[in-house]
Protein backbone atom coordinates (compact mmCIF):
# COMPACT_ATOMS: atom_id res chain seq x y z
CA UNK A 1 -64.49 51.35 -121.40
CA UNK A 2 -62.95 54.62 -122.45
CA UNK A 3 -61.06 54.82 -125.74
CA UNK A 4 -57.42 55.88 -126.17
CA UNK A 5 -56.58 59.15 -124.43
CA UNK A 6 -54.02 60.01 -127.08
CA UNK A 7 -52.15 58.42 -129.97
CA UNK A 8 -50.14 55.47 -128.76
CA UNK A 9 -52.28 54.54 -125.78
CA UNK A 10 -53.80 51.06 -125.54
CA UNK A 11 -56.51 50.31 -128.05
CA UNK A 12 -59.71 48.47 -127.18
CA UNK A 13 -58.39 45.12 -128.41
CA UNK A 14 -55.20 45.51 -126.35
CA UNK A 15 -56.99 45.83 -123.01
CA UNK A 16 -57.76 42.11 -122.98
CA UNK A 17 -54.06 41.29 -122.94
CA UNK A 18 -53.21 43.95 -120.32
CA UNK A 19 -55.99 42.58 -118.10
CA UNK A 20 -54.69 39.00 -118.41
CA UNK A 21 -50.94 39.71 -118.29
CA UNK A 22 -50.51 38.72 -114.64
CA UNK A 23 -52.46 35.50 -115.14
CA UNK A 24 -50.43 34.66 -118.25
CA UNK A 25 -47.19 35.22 -116.34
CA UNK A 26 -48.41 32.79 -113.68
CA UNK A 27 -48.92 30.33 -116.53
CA UNK A 28 -45.36 30.95 -117.69
CA UNK A 29 -45.72 33.57 -120.44
CA UNK A 30 -44.49 37.16 -120.06
CA UNK A 31 -45.89 39.95 -122.22
CA UNK A 32 -43.92 43.01 -123.33
CA UNK A 33 -43.93 46.10 -121.04
CA UNK A 34 -46.73 47.75 -123.04
CA UNK A 35 -49.14 45.01 -121.98
CA UNK A 36 -48.26 44.72 -118.31
CA UNK A 37 -50.40 46.22 -115.51
CA UNK A 38 -49.53 49.81 -114.67
CA UNK A 39 -47.86 50.54 -118.00
CA UNK A 40 -47.43 54.21 -118.88
CA UNK A 41 -46.06 55.39 -122.24
CA UNK A 42 -42.31 55.97 -121.91
CA UNK A 43 -42.15 58.74 -124.51
CA UNK A 44 -44.70 61.25 -123.18
CA UNK A 45 -42.21 63.40 -121.28
CA UNK A 46 -39.43 63.09 -123.87
CA UNK A 47 -40.75 63.42 -127.41
CA UNK A 48 -43.88 63.26 -129.51
CA UNK A 49 -42.42 60.47 -131.65
CA UNK A 50 -43.55 57.27 -129.94
CA UNK A 51 -41.92 55.12 -132.64
CA UNK A 52 -38.50 55.85 -131.15
CA UNK A 53 -39.50 53.67 -128.19
CA UNK A 54 -40.16 49.95 -127.95
CA UNK A 55 -43.47 50.35 -126.17
CA UNK A 56 -44.72 52.69 -128.88
CA UNK A 57 -45.35 49.75 -131.17
CA UNK A 58 -48.66 47.90 -131.09
CA UNK A 59 -48.57 44.12 -131.51
CA UNK A 60 -50.04 42.80 -134.74
CA UNK A 61 -53.69 41.71 -134.87
CA UNK A 62 -54.30 42.19 -131.17
CA UNK A 63 -57.95 41.17 -131.52
CA UNK A 64 -56.78 37.56 -131.50
CA UNK A 65 -52.96 37.42 -131.39
CA UNK A 66 -50.25 38.42 -128.90
CA UNK A 67 -46.52 37.71 -128.69
CA UNK A 68 -44.91 36.67 -125.41
CA UNK A 69 -41.75 35.12 -123.96
CA UNK A 70 -41.90 31.73 -122.32
CA UNK A 71 -40.47 32.37 -118.88
CA UNK A 72 -38.81 28.97 -118.52
CA UNK A 73 -36.44 29.32 -121.49
CA UNK A 74 -36.93 32.70 -123.18
CA UNK A 75 -38.57 31.23 -126.29
CA UNK A 76 -40.73 33.75 -128.13
CA UNK A 77 -44.24 32.40 -128.63
CA UNK A 78 -47.49 33.56 -130.15
CA UNK A 79 -50.72 33.34 -128.19
CA UNK A 80 -53.84 32.95 -130.31
CA UNK A 81 -57.28 33.68 -128.86
CA UNK A 82 -59.97 31.31 -130.09
CA UNK A 83 -63.66 31.48 -129.26
CA UNK A 84 -65.65 28.26 -128.98
CA UNK A 85 -69.34 29.04 -128.63
CA UNK A 86 -70.17 25.48 -127.59
CA UNK A 87 -67.32 23.70 -125.73
CA UNK A 88 -69.26 20.43 -126.03
CA UNK A 89 -69.12 20.81 -129.82
CA UNK A 90 -65.66 22.31 -130.53
CA UNK A 91 -64.70 23.90 -133.82
CA UNK A 92 -62.62 22.14 -136.47
CA UNK A 93 -59.60 24.15 -135.34
CA UNK A 94 -59.96 23.08 -131.73
CA UNK A 95 -60.53 19.42 -132.67
CA UNK A 96 -57.59 19.36 -135.08
CA UNK A 97 -55.19 21.02 -132.67
CA UNK A 98 -56.16 18.60 -129.93
CA UNK A 99 -55.58 15.76 -132.39
CA UNK A 100 -52.17 17.12 -133.37
CA UNK A 101 -51.29 17.62 -129.69
CA UNK A 102 -52.30 14.03 -128.92
CA UNK A 103 -49.06 12.61 -130.29
CA UNK A 104 -50.39 11.74 -133.76
CA UNK A 105 -47.19 13.26 -135.16
CA UNK A 106 -43.91 13.45 -133.28
CA UNK A 107 -42.75 17.03 -132.79
CA UNK A 108 -39.22 15.81 -133.62
CA UNK A 109 -40.26 14.20 -136.93
CA UNK A 110 -38.52 16.21 -139.71
CA UNK A 111 -41.54 15.55 -141.95
CA UNK A 112 -43.89 17.10 -139.42
CA UNK A 113 -44.51 20.70 -140.45
CA UNK A 114 -47.75 21.23 -138.52
CA UNK A 115 -47.26 24.16 -136.19
CA UNK A 116 -46.96 22.70 -132.66
CA UNK A 117 -49.41 23.82 -129.99
CA UNK A 118 -47.45 23.94 -126.74
CA UNK A 119 -50.45 24.49 -124.53
CA UNK A 120 -54.17 25.28 -124.65
CA UNK A 121 -55.30 27.61 -121.86
CA UNK A 122 -58.89 28.42 -120.97
CA UNK A 123 -59.50 32.08 -120.13
CA UNK A 124 -60.45 32.11 -116.41
CA UNK A 125 -63.66 34.12 -116.60
CA UNK A 126 -64.95 32.61 -119.86
CA UNK A 127 -66.09 29.12 -120.80
CA UNK A 128 -65.92 30.04 -124.49
CA UNK A 129 -62.46 31.61 -124.88
CA UNK A 130 -59.25 29.61 -125.19
CA UNK A 131 -55.64 30.60 -125.81
CA UNK A 132 -53.42 28.48 -128.07
CA UNK A 133 -49.70 28.87 -127.36
CA UNK A 134 -47.66 28.25 -130.53
CA UNK A 135 -44.17 29.23 -131.80
CA UNK A 136 -43.70 32.80 -133.00
CA UNK A 137 -43.44 32.55 -136.79
CA UNK A 138 -42.76 34.97 -139.64
CA UNK A 139 -43.65 35.16 -143.31
CA UNK A 140 -42.10 32.25 -145.22
CA UNK A 141 -39.09 32.32 -147.51
CA UNK A 142 -38.85 30.14 -150.66
CA UNK A 143 -38.88 26.50 -149.61
CA UNK A 144 -40.52 23.14 -150.22
CA UNK A 145 -41.43 20.75 -147.45
CA UNK A 146 -43.17 17.46 -146.72
CA UNK A 147 -45.79 18.73 -144.30
CA UNK A 148 -48.79 18.27 -146.58
CA UNK A 149 -47.70 14.75 -147.56
CA UNK A 150 -47.62 13.73 -143.89
CA UNK A 151 -51.14 15.10 -143.37
CA UNK A 152 -52.48 13.23 -146.41
CA UNK A 153 -50.91 9.98 -145.20
CA UNK A 154 -53.05 10.34 -142.08
CA UNK A 155 -56.21 11.12 -144.12
CA UNK A 156 -56.04 14.79 -143.12
CA UNK A 157 -56.49 17.71 -145.49
CA UNK A 158 -55.51 21.19 -144.37
CA UNK A 159 -58.18 22.63 -146.70
CA UNK A 160 -56.77 26.16 -146.76
CA UNK A 161 -53.28 26.03 -148.27
CA UNK A 162 -52.24 29.56 -149.27
CA UNK A 163 -49.20 31.81 -148.95
CA UNK A 164 -50.05 33.24 -145.53
CA UNK A 165 -50.78 29.83 -143.98
CA UNK A 166 -47.18 28.73 -144.49
CA UNK A 167 -44.77 30.41 -142.10
CA UNK A 168 -41.25 29.97 -140.77
CA UNK A 169 -39.45 29.90 -137.43
CA UNK A 170 -36.65 32.37 -138.18
CA UNK A 171 -35.09 32.18 -134.71
CA UNK A 172 -31.88 30.46 -135.94
CA UNK A 173 -31.20 33.29 -138.40
CA UNK A 174 -30.93 35.95 -135.69
CA UNK A 175 -27.95 36.26 -133.35
CA UNK A 176 -30.14 38.19 -130.92
CA UNK A 177 -33.85 37.75 -130.38
CA UNK A 178 -35.63 40.03 -132.82
CA UNK A 179 -38.54 42.29 -131.97
CA UNK A 180 -41.93 40.76 -132.89
CA UNK A 181 -43.34 43.98 -134.38
CA UNK A 182 -40.13 45.57 -135.69
CA UNK A 183 -38.00 42.58 -136.81
CA UNK A 184 -35.16 44.90 -137.85
CA UNK A 185 -34.62 45.71 -134.16
CA UNK A 186 -33.56 43.53 -131.25
CA UNK A 187 -36.15 42.47 -128.71
CA UNK A 188 -34.42 44.50 -126.00
CA UNK A 189 -34.33 47.54 -128.34
CA UNK A 190 -30.52 47.74 -128.06
CA UNK A 191 -29.69 47.94 -131.72
CA UNK A 192 -30.37 46.11 -134.96
CA UNK A 193 -31.30 42.43 -135.16
CA UNK A 194 -28.94 41.38 -137.94
CA UNK A 195 -29.77 38.31 -140.00
CA UNK A 196 -27.30 35.51 -140.63
CA UNK A 197 -26.92 33.10 -143.55
CA UNK A 198 -30.00 30.96 -144.12
CA UNK A 199 -27.80 28.18 -145.51
CA UNK A 200 -25.65 28.07 -142.39
CA UNK A 201 -28.61 28.63 -140.06
CA UNK A 202 -31.53 26.69 -141.58
CA UNK A 203 -35.08 27.41 -140.48
CA UNK A 204 -38.15 25.22 -140.28
CA UNK A 205 -41.40 25.93 -142.11
CA UNK A 206 -44.84 25.30 -140.68
CA UNK A 207 -48.43 24.98 -141.78
CA UNK A 208 -50.69 27.13 -139.61
CA UNK A 209 -54.41 27.81 -139.22
CA UNK A 210 -56.20 24.48 -138.99
CA UNK A 211 -59.66 26.07 -138.85
CA UNK A 212 -60.70 24.26 -142.05
CA UNK A 213 -58.68 21.06 -141.56
CA UNK A 214 -60.42 17.73 -141.28
CA UNK A 215 -59.46 14.09 -140.85
CA UNK A 216 -61.50 11.87 -143.17
CA UNK A 217 -62.59 8.31 -142.47
CA UNK A 218 -61.34 6.19 -145.36
CA UNK A 219 -63.95 3.53 -144.49
CA UNK A 220 -66.67 5.96 -145.54
CA UNK A 221 -65.35 6.14 -149.09
CA UNK A 222 -63.23 8.79 -150.89
CA UNK A 223 -62.85 12.10 -149.05
CA UNK A 224 -65.08 14.83 -150.42
CA UNK A 225 -65.68 18.55 -149.69
CA UNK A 226 -68.16 20.98 -151.20
CA UNK A 227 -66.43 23.37 -153.63
CA UNK A 228 -65.57 26.99 -152.86
CA UNK A 229 -63.76 26.60 -149.53
CA UNK A 230 -60.40 28.08 -148.50
CA UNK A 231 -58.56 31.26 -149.43
CA UNK A 232 -57.38 30.29 -152.93
CA UNK A 233 -60.57 30.19 -155.03
CA UNK A 234 -58.82 29.64 -158.38
CA UNK A 235 -59.23 25.85 -158.15
CA UNK A 236 -60.57 24.76 -161.59
CA UNK A 237 -63.21 22.33 -160.30
CA UNK A 238 -64.77 25.14 -158.28
CA UNK A 239 -65.71 26.70 -161.64
CA UNK A 240 -66.25 23.66 -163.84
CA UNK A 241 -68.23 21.58 -161.32
CA UNK A 242 -69.58 24.09 -158.76
CA UNK A 243 -72.27 21.67 -157.55
CA UNK A 244 -70.11 18.56 -157.23
CA UNK A 245 -68.10 17.68 -154.11
CA UNK A 246 -64.33 17.87 -154.62
CA UNK A 247 -61.42 15.61 -153.76
CA UNK A 248 -59.75 17.73 -150.99
CA UNK A 249 -56.36 16.10 -151.55
CA UNK A 250 -56.36 16.99 -155.26
CA UNK A 251 -57.42 20.54 -154.34
CA UNK A 252 -54.49 20.71 -151.93
CA UNK A 253 -52.03 19.60 -154.64
CA UNK A 254 -53.39 22.29 -156.97
CA UNK A 255 -53.09 24.99 -154.33
CA UNK A 256 -49.49 24.11 -153.56
CA UNK A 257 -48.63 24.10 -157.25
CA UNK A 258 -50.37 27.43 -157.72
CA UNK A 259 -48.52 28.88 -154.73
CA UNK A 260 -45.18 27.83 -156.24
CA UNK A 261 -46.19 29.23 -159.62
CA UNK A 262 -47.27 32.57 -158.17
CA UNK A 263 -44.62 33.24 -155.53
CA UNK A 264 -41.56 31.23 -156.52
CA UNK A 265 -41.69 31.08 -160.30
CA UNK A 266 -42.35 34.79 -160.71
CA UNK A 267 -41.08 37.96 -159.04
CA UNK A 268 -44.27 38.35 -156.99
CA UNK A 269 -43.43 38.56 -153.31
CA UNK A 270 -45.46 37.43 -150.36
CA UNK A 271 -47.20 40.37 -148.58
CA UNK A 272 -46.04 42.74 -151.34
CA UNK A 273 -48.83 42.96 -153.92
CA UNK A 274 -47.67 43.84 -157.40
CA UNK A 275 -49.36 44.79 -160.64
CA UNK A 276 -49.54 41.79 -162.96
CA UNK A 277 -47.74 43.68 -165.70
CA UNK A 278 -44.81 44.32 -163.33
CA UNK A 279 -44.23 40.62 -162.63
CA UNK A 280 -41.42 38.76 -164.35
CA UNK A 281 -40.58 35.08 -164.69
CA UNK A 282 -38.06 33.77 -162.17
CA UNK A 283 -35.93 31.51 -164.36
CA UNK A 284 -34.12 30.14 -161.33
CA UNK A 285 -37.19 27.91 -160.83
CA UNK A 286 -37.49 26.63 -164.42
CA UNK A 287 -36.68 23.12 -163.19
CA UNK A 288 -40.10 23.04 -161.47
CA UNK A 289 -42.12 23.90 -164.59
CA UNK A 290 -43.23 20.40 -165.60
CA UNK A 291 -44.08 19.32 -162.07
CA UNK A 292 -46.06 22.48 -161.33
CA UNK A 293 -47.91 22.12 -164.65
CA UNK A 294 -49.01 18.62 -163.59
CA UNK A 295 -49.99 19.80 -160.11
CA UNK A 296 -52.24 22.52 -161.55
CA UNK A 297 -53.99 20.52 -164.27
CA UNK A 298 -57.67 21.34 -164.70
CA UNK A 299 -58.70 17.71 -164.34
CA UNK A 300 -58.12 16.82 -160.66
CA UNK A 301 -57.87 13.09 -161.49
CA UNK A 302 -54.74 13.80 -163.54
CA UNK A 303 -52.90 15.61 -160.74
CA UNK A 304 -50.23 13.62 -158.91
CA UNK A 305 -50.66 12.66 -155.27
CA UNK A 306 -48.45 14.34 -152.69
CA UNK A 307 -46.35 11.14 -152.47
CA UNK A 308 -45.80 11.33 -156.23
CA UNK A 309 -45.07 15.06 -156.04
CA UNK A 310 -42.39 14.62 -153.40
CA UNK A 311 -40.83 11.64 -155.19
CA UNK A 312 -40.59 13.62 -158.41
CA UNK A 313 -39.26 16.66 -156.58
CA UNK A 314 -36.51 14.63 -154.92
CA UNK A 315 -35.52 13.20 -158.32
CA UNK A 316 -35.45 16.69 -159.85
CA UNK A 317 -33.21 18.04 -157.08
CA UNK A 318 -30.79 15.11 -157.45
CA UNK A 319 -30.36 16.05 -161.11
CA UNK A 320 -29.48 19.70 -160.45
CA UNK A 321 -25.89 20.77 -160.95
CA UNK A 322 -23.59 22.10 -158.23
CA UNK A 323 -23.74 25.57 -159.81
CA UNK A 324 -27.55 25.53 -159.97
CA UNK A 325 -27.87 24.49 -156.32
CA UNK A 326 -25.49 27.26 -155.24
CA UNK A 327 -26.97 29.96 -157.47
CA UNK A 328 -28.94 32.89 -156.09
CA UNK A 329 -32.71 32.45 -156.02
CA UNK A 330 -33.37 36.04 -157.12
CA UNK A 331 -30.58 38.49 -158.01
CA UNK A 332 -32.50 41.71 -157.55
CA UNK A 333 -29.53 44.07 -157.74
CA UNK A 334 -26.03 43.76 -159.19
CA UNK A 335 -24.28 44.66 -155.93
CA UNK A 336 -25.79 41.60 -154.25
CA UNK A 337 -24.15 39.16 -156.71
CA UNK A 338 -20.53 39.57 -155.42
CA UNK A 339 -21.76 39.25 -151.83
CA UNK A 340 -23.62 36.07 -152.77
CA UNK A 341 -20.45 34.67 -154.38
CA UNK A 342 -18.39 35.31 -151.25
CA UNK A 343 -21.13 33.79 -149.09
CA UNK A 344 -21.15 30.63 -151.22
CA UNK A 345 -17.36 30.32 -150.95
CA UNK A 346 -17.75 30.23 -147.15
CA UNK A 347 -20.59 27.72 -147.48
CA UNK A 348 -18.52 25.38 -149.67
CA UNK A 349 -15.37 25.66 -147.53
CA UNK A 350 -17.45 25.07 -144.41
CA UNK A 351 -19.13 22.08 -146.09
CA UNK A 352 -22.59 23.49 -145.56
CA UNK A 353 -25.07 21.65 -147.83
CA UNK A 354 -26.74 23.70 -150.58
CA UNK A 355 -30.11 22.47 -149.32
CA UNK A 356 -29.92 22.68 -145.51
CA UNK A 357 -31.40 19.84 -143.46
CA UNK A 358 -34.69 20.48 -141.73
CA UNK A 359 -33.95 21.63 -138.17
CA UNK A 360 -35.75 20.36 -135.11
CA UNK A 361 -38.59 22.12 -133.28
CA UNK A 362 -38.05 25.63 -131.89
CA UNK A 363 -35.87 25.76 -128.80
CA UNK A 364 -35.61 28.67 -126.46
CA UNK A 365 -32.58 29.96 -124.66
CA UNK A 366 -32.07 32.65 -122.11
CA UNK A 367 -31.42 36.02 -123.72
CA UNK A 368 -29.75 38.97 -122.13
């Protein structure tokens, strides 16, 4: 197959999606114009700057991901390509997603933060390639949820808790559907996709990537995993007992505590690496210090369970003052503070809770 003729043409990993666009539409999922049969760049006769045009932008990680609209209701979804070399012996990810799709957790349960899989499609010409259809999610904003606790209650460990495996459905925040590659623009490319108040338009957070997840059989004794797995390798027992199997639930508690410590209790931002010396303490999260310290203890037997973590967290939140709950998480610039004050006045007058309730699953609606 020939490579790109010029900058902006389809790359090798994009051809798969172009070649399956018609089939996907038959299944109810429409790709953007760039990935439809017969597409020609719209900018070639007008300008050399392809980034002025919607179809000049390549979808992210096209080797295994592609955004689409669900034809029935206009919901933006993500399609993930997964290869299973032996369908008779599926991967952990395939087994776990089938388990989660089986009705183990209700999609309407507010404690369920496992990313829903709407459909699993098998690629027509391949017995090894499958497409998982899931909600379109973005990088997470500061939040705490009960998703891991629900997994642990069902003897499931995610086994790869880290910052980029927690994402959010930001659909409620946008008045118009945002563009999947350029979120500052509308999907239809007719202007900016302005964001609305997160307090007045709460979002739901999801755990993604169940490629390492496993459900353990409690009748076989305590759950154990060999050390060194997952993206966050700072787990103390990986260093102190590198040859001893670990308690995966205690590892999970540590990783969540470490995530809070790194990304919520300091000025480090997700997807924006910073030099350690440039990081500052975020005092807005001081109330979490003792709990996070317990979650990240070196001795895994001394860490609280997720039930204990959530109970303590709920008690901590109940003790926070009105002013603390309405304060800004991070005041990066002085000009933002007056705007935040005005926003909170509207929130109070409108009786919007300081901690918004968890919304239901993503719902699509027809967009013009």
